[in-house]
Amino acid sequence: MADTGVELDRLVAAVPQNPDEQQKDDKLAQTLLFVLLIVVLYGIAAQAFFINLLYHRELAVSRLNNRSEQDEPIRGFAHLTGGSVQENEVMLWHINSLTVLSGMAYKDGRLEVQEEGFYYVYSKVCFSDHGLWNQSPEFFHHFVMKSAHLHGNHYTLMQSQKELRVNSSDLNNSFLGGFFHLHKGDGIFVRIRTNLNILQYNVSEHFFGAFMM
């Protein structure tokens, strides 16, 4: 009796499925495979989209930064060395490897301001008293001047005065420095007033410059 039951189960299992049910299962599998393929393709497309978006964002930021750096105005800065005094008392400066000119122009001893703003202006000169042998005392005058662009008048921004000693060979320095509001087109220059040729000729002993704050 038991053998009859087992044989019956085998016969039932061997009975082929209904063709309609088999076709239904195949369509379901194809549908699932299609949906899975769509999901995979969507993921790839989304990843490519965000990578492209990130790339263009970084590119735009880089271009913006470069443009900002290019559009940023050059801040005025100048440094001149090795001056010599002319007959009009204006000090002319040497153009050499130590010269710095950025956002300012130089001509005939004058620095010309290219942009209005507050500037720190400075000047140093070195001189000695050795020219006073057997002469009466003299004064050494050191000026930093401004020539106004609007009306052409000259103004003294800073000055120092020193009485030179007779029979002395001492070296002396005069340094002037201060903050000033300058307009575009204004000129600044150094004047030296003395009856004696007492300036030292070392290039590094004299300098003149300005930088925008």
Protein backbone atom coordinates (compact mmCIF):
# COMPACT_ATOMS: atom_id res chain seq x y z
CA MET A 1 0.00 0.00 0.00
CA ALA A 2 2.87 2.32 0.83
CA ASP A 3 4.51 1.54 -2.49
CA THR A 4 1.33 2.44 -4.28
CA GLY A 5 1.33 5.93 -2.58
CA VAL A 6 4.90 6.66 -3.56
CA GLU A 7 4.28 5.65 -7.10
CA LEU A 8 1.22 7.90 -7.23
CA ASP A 9 3.28 10.89 -6.04
CA ARG A 10 5.83 10.25 -8.74
CA LEU A 11 3.15 10.13 -11.37
CA VAL A 12 1.70 13.42 -10.13
CA ALA A 13 5.14 15.08 -10.15
CA ALA A 14 5.79 13.81 -13.62
CA VAL A 15 2.63 15.40 -14.95
CA PRO A 16 3.74 18.44 -17.00
CA GLN A 17 2.71 21.95 -15.88
CA ASN A 18 -0.05 23.83 -17.57
CA PRO A 19 1.45 25.73 -20.55
CA ASP A 20 -0.39 28.89 -19.51
CA GLU A 21 1.17 28.81 -16.05
CA GLN A 22 4.65 28.23 -17.53
CA GLN A 23 4.22 31.21 -19.87
CA LYS A 24 3.02 33.35 -16.96
CA ASP A 25 6.13 32.49 -14.93
CA ASP A 26 8.38 33.30 -17.90
CA LYS A 27 6.76 36.71 -18.36
CA LEU A 28 7.12 37.47 -14.64
CA ALA A 29 10.82 36.60 -14.77
CA GLN A 30 11.32 38.75 -17.85
CA THR A 31 9.49 41.64 -16.19
CA LEU A 32 11.65 41.39 -13.06
CA LEU A 33 14.79 41.23 -15.16
CA PHE A 34 13.68 44.28 -17.15
CA VAL A 35 12.91 46.24 -13.98
CA LEU A 36 16.30 45.29 -12.52
CA LEU A 37 18.02 46.40 -15.72
CA ILE A 38 16.15 49.74 -15.62
CA VAL A 39 17.24 50.28 -11.99
CA VAL A 40 20.88 49.55 -12.85
CA LEU A 41 20.83 51.86 -15.87
CA TYR A 42 19.14 54.58 -13.80
CA GLY A 43 21.83 54.29 -11.15
CA ILE A 44 24.59 54.57 -13.74
CA ALA A 45 22.90 57.57 -15.37
CA ALA A 46 22.37 59.28 -12.00
CA GLN A 47 26.00 58.71 -11.04
CA ALA A 48 27.20 60.13 -14.35
CA PHE A 49 24.89 63.13 -13.94
CA PHE A 50 26.17 63.99 -10.47
CA ILE A 51 29.80 63.51 -11.51
CA ASN A 52 29.25 65.85 -14.43
CA LEU A 53 27.44 68.33 -12.18
CA LEU A 54 30.27 68.26 -9.63
CA TYR A 55 32.88 68.72 -12.38
CA HIS A 56 31.14 71.76 -13.84
CA ARG A 57 30.60 73.21 -10.37
CA GLU A 58 34.31 72.92 -9.56
CA LEU A 59 35.16 74.35 -12.98
CA ALA A 60 32.83 77.32 -12.40
CA VAL A 61 34.31 77.98 -8.95
CA SER A 62 37.83 77.81 -10.37
CA ARG A 63 36.98 80.23 -13.17
CA LEU A 64 35.30 82.58 -10.69
CA ASN A 65 38.34 82.56 -8.43
CA ASN A 66 40.67 83.19 -11.37
CA ARG A 67 38.49 86.01 -12.58
CA SER A 68 38.36 87.55 -9.11
CA GLU A 69 42.15 87.42 -8.90
CA GLN A 70 42.51 88.96 -12.35
CA ASP A 71 39.93 91.65 -11.70
CA GLU A 72 41.38 92.57 -8.30
CA PRO A 73 43.16 95.89 -8.69
CA ILE A 74 46.89 96.00 -8.07
CA ARG A 75 47.57 97.69 -4.76
CA GLY A 76 49.96 100.61 -5.07
CA PHE A 77 53.48 99.81 -3.90
CA ALA A 78 56.85 101.35 -4.76
CA HIS A 79 60.38 101.21 -3.37
CA LEU A 80 63.29 103.21 -4.81
CA THR A 81 66.94 103.34 -3.76
CA GLY A 82 70.21 105.18 -4.40
CA GLY A 83 69.14 108.76 -4.87
CA SER A 84 71.11 111.84 -5.92
CA VAL A 85 70.11 115.48 -5.41
CA GLN A 86 69.48 117.73 -8.43
CA GLU A 87 69.80 121.51 -8.68
CA ASN A 88 66.10 121.92 -7.90
CA GLU A 89 66.67 120.02 -4.62
CA VAL A 90 64.57 117.09 -5.86
CA MET A 91 66.14 113.70 -5.31
CA LEU A 92 66.34 111.41 -8.33
CA TRP A 93 66.32 107.66 -7.76
CA HIS A 94 68.11 104.82 -9.50
CA ILE A 95 66.15 102.17 -11.38
CA ASN A 96 67.94 98.92 -10.53
CA SER A 97 67.38 95.38 -9.27
CA LEU A 98 66.13 96.75 -5.94
CA THR A 99 63.43 98.88 -7.56
CA VAL A 100 59.80 97.88 -7.02
CA LEU A 101 56.96 99.58 -8.92
CA SER A 102 53.50 98.04 -8.71
CA GLY A 103 50.42 100.17 -9.27
CA MET A 104 52.52 103.35 -9.18
CA ALA A 105 54.52 105.22 -11.83
CA TYR A 106 57.92 106.91 -11.50
CA LYS A 107 59.21 109.92 -13.44
CA ASP A 108 61.79 112.62 -12.67
CA GLY A 109 62.08 111.74 -9.00
CA ARG A 110 58.33 111.58 -8.43
CA LEU A 111 56.09 108.64 -7.65
CA GLU A 112 52.67 109.07 -9.24
CA VAL A 113 49.63 107.62 -7.47
CA GLN A 114 47.43 105.43 -9.68
CA GLU A 115 44.63 104.75 -7.19
CA GLU A 116 43.13 106.96 -4.49
CA GLY A 117 43.53 105.70 -0.95
CA PHE A 118 45.56 105.81 2.24
CA TYR A 119 49.29 105.24 1.78
CA TYR A 120 52.21 104.82 4.10
CA VAL A 121 54.96 107.05 2.68
CA TYR A 122 58.57 106.75 3.85
CA SER A 123 62.04 108.07 3.06
CA LYS A 124 65.53 107.64 4.51
CA VAL A 125 68.74 109.43 3.63
CA CYS A 126 72.24 109.14 5.05
CA PHE A 127 74.71 112.03 5.28
CA SER A 128 77.88 113.03 7.10
CA ASP A 129 79.28 116.22 8.58
CA HIS A 130 82.71 115.89 6.98
CA GLY A 131 82.09 118.83 4.62
CA LEU A 132 82.06 121.34 7.47
CA TRP A 133 85.77 121.62 8.08
CA ASN A 134 86.52 125.26 8.98
CA GLN A 135 83.04 126.37 7.98
CA SER A 136 80.19 127.86 9.93
CA PRO A 137 77.37 125.52 11.02
CA GLU A 138 74.87 124.47 8.38
CA PHE A 139 71.47 122.82 8.46
CA PHE A 140 70.44 119.68 6.66
CA HIS A 141 66.78 119.65 5.58
CA HIS A 142 64.95 116.51 4.51
CA PHE A 143 61.43 116.83 3.04
CA VAL A 144 58.79 114.50 1.63
CA MET A 145 56.57 116.56 -0.65
CA LYS A 146 53.27 116.12 -2.46
CA SER A 147 52.31 117.69 -5.76
CA ALA A 148 48.51 117.79 -5.92
CA HIS A 149 47.02 116.59 -9.19
CA LEU A 150 43.92 118.80 -8.92
CA HIS A 151 45.63 122.22 -8.77
CA GLY A 152 49.36 121.52 -9.08
CA ASN A 153 50.37 123.00 -5.73
CA HIS A 154 53.18 121.48 -3.68
CA TYR A 155 52.71 120.55 -0.03
CA THR A 156 55.13 119.38 2.62
CA LEU A 157 53.99 116.04 4.00
CA MET A 158 56.95 115.49 6.34
CA GLN A 159 60.23 117.18 7.15
CA SER A 160 63.24 116.95 9.41
CA GLN A 161 66.05 119.38 10.15
CA LYS A 162 69.46 118.76 11.64
CA GLU A 163 72.22 121.19 12.53
CA LEU A 164 75.52 119.90 11.20
CA ARG A 165 78.54 120.05 13.47
CA VAL A 166 81.83 121.61 12.48
CA ASN A 167 84.90 119.35 12.36
CA SER A 168 82.85 116.16 12.60
CA SER A 169 82.86 113.07 10.40
CA ASP A 170 79.85 111.38 11.97
CA LEU A 171 77.32 109.58 9.80
CA ASN A 172 73.73 110.61 10.32
CA ASN A 173 70.39 109.22 9.18
CA SER A 174 67.13 111.02 8.61
CA PHE A 175 64.02 108.87 8.39
CA LEU A 176 60.52 110.14 7.68
CA GLY A 177 57.36 108.04 7.55
CA GLY A 178 53.62 108.57 7.88
CA PHE A 179 50.11 107.80 6.59
CA PHE A 180 48.46 110.08 4.05
CA HIS A 181 45.35 110.15 1.91
CA LEU A 182 46.44 110.52 -1.71
CA HIS A 183 44.37 111.04 -4.85
CA LYS A 184 44.89 109.51 -8.26
CA GLY A 185 47.43 111.60 -10.15
CA ASP A 186 49.10 113.02 -7.03
CA GLY A 187 52.89 112.93 -7.02
CA ILE A 188 55.18 112.43 -4.04
CA PHE A 189 58.90 113.18 -4.01
CA VAL A 190 61.90 113.86 -1.76
CA ARG A 191 63.70 117.19 -1.41
CA ILE A 192 67.10 117.72 0.19
CA ARG A 193 68.16 121.25 1.08
CA THR A 194 71.76 121.86 2.04
CA ASN A 195 74.67 123.92 0.74
CA LEU A 196 77.06 120.99 1.04
CA ASN A 197 77.61 117.80 -0.89
CA ILE A 198 77.40 115.56 2.15
CA LEU A 199 75.12 112.70 1.06
CA GLN A 200 76.59 109.22 1.19
CA TYR A 201 76.66 107.42 -2.16
CA ASN A 202 75.97 103.87 -1.02
CA VAL A 203 72.88 102.69 -2.89
CA SER A 204 71.37 101.05 0.18
CA GLU A 205 71.79 104.17 2.35
CA HIS A 206 68.96 106.12 0.67
CA PHE A 207 65.49 104.87 -0.10
CA PHE A 208 62.02 106.22 -0.79
CA GLY A 209 58.70 104.48 -1.22
CA ALA A 210 55.03 104.10 -0.44
CA PHE A 211 52.43 101.36 -0.20
CA MET A 212 48.66 101.44 -0.13
CA MET A 213 46.88 100.34 3.03
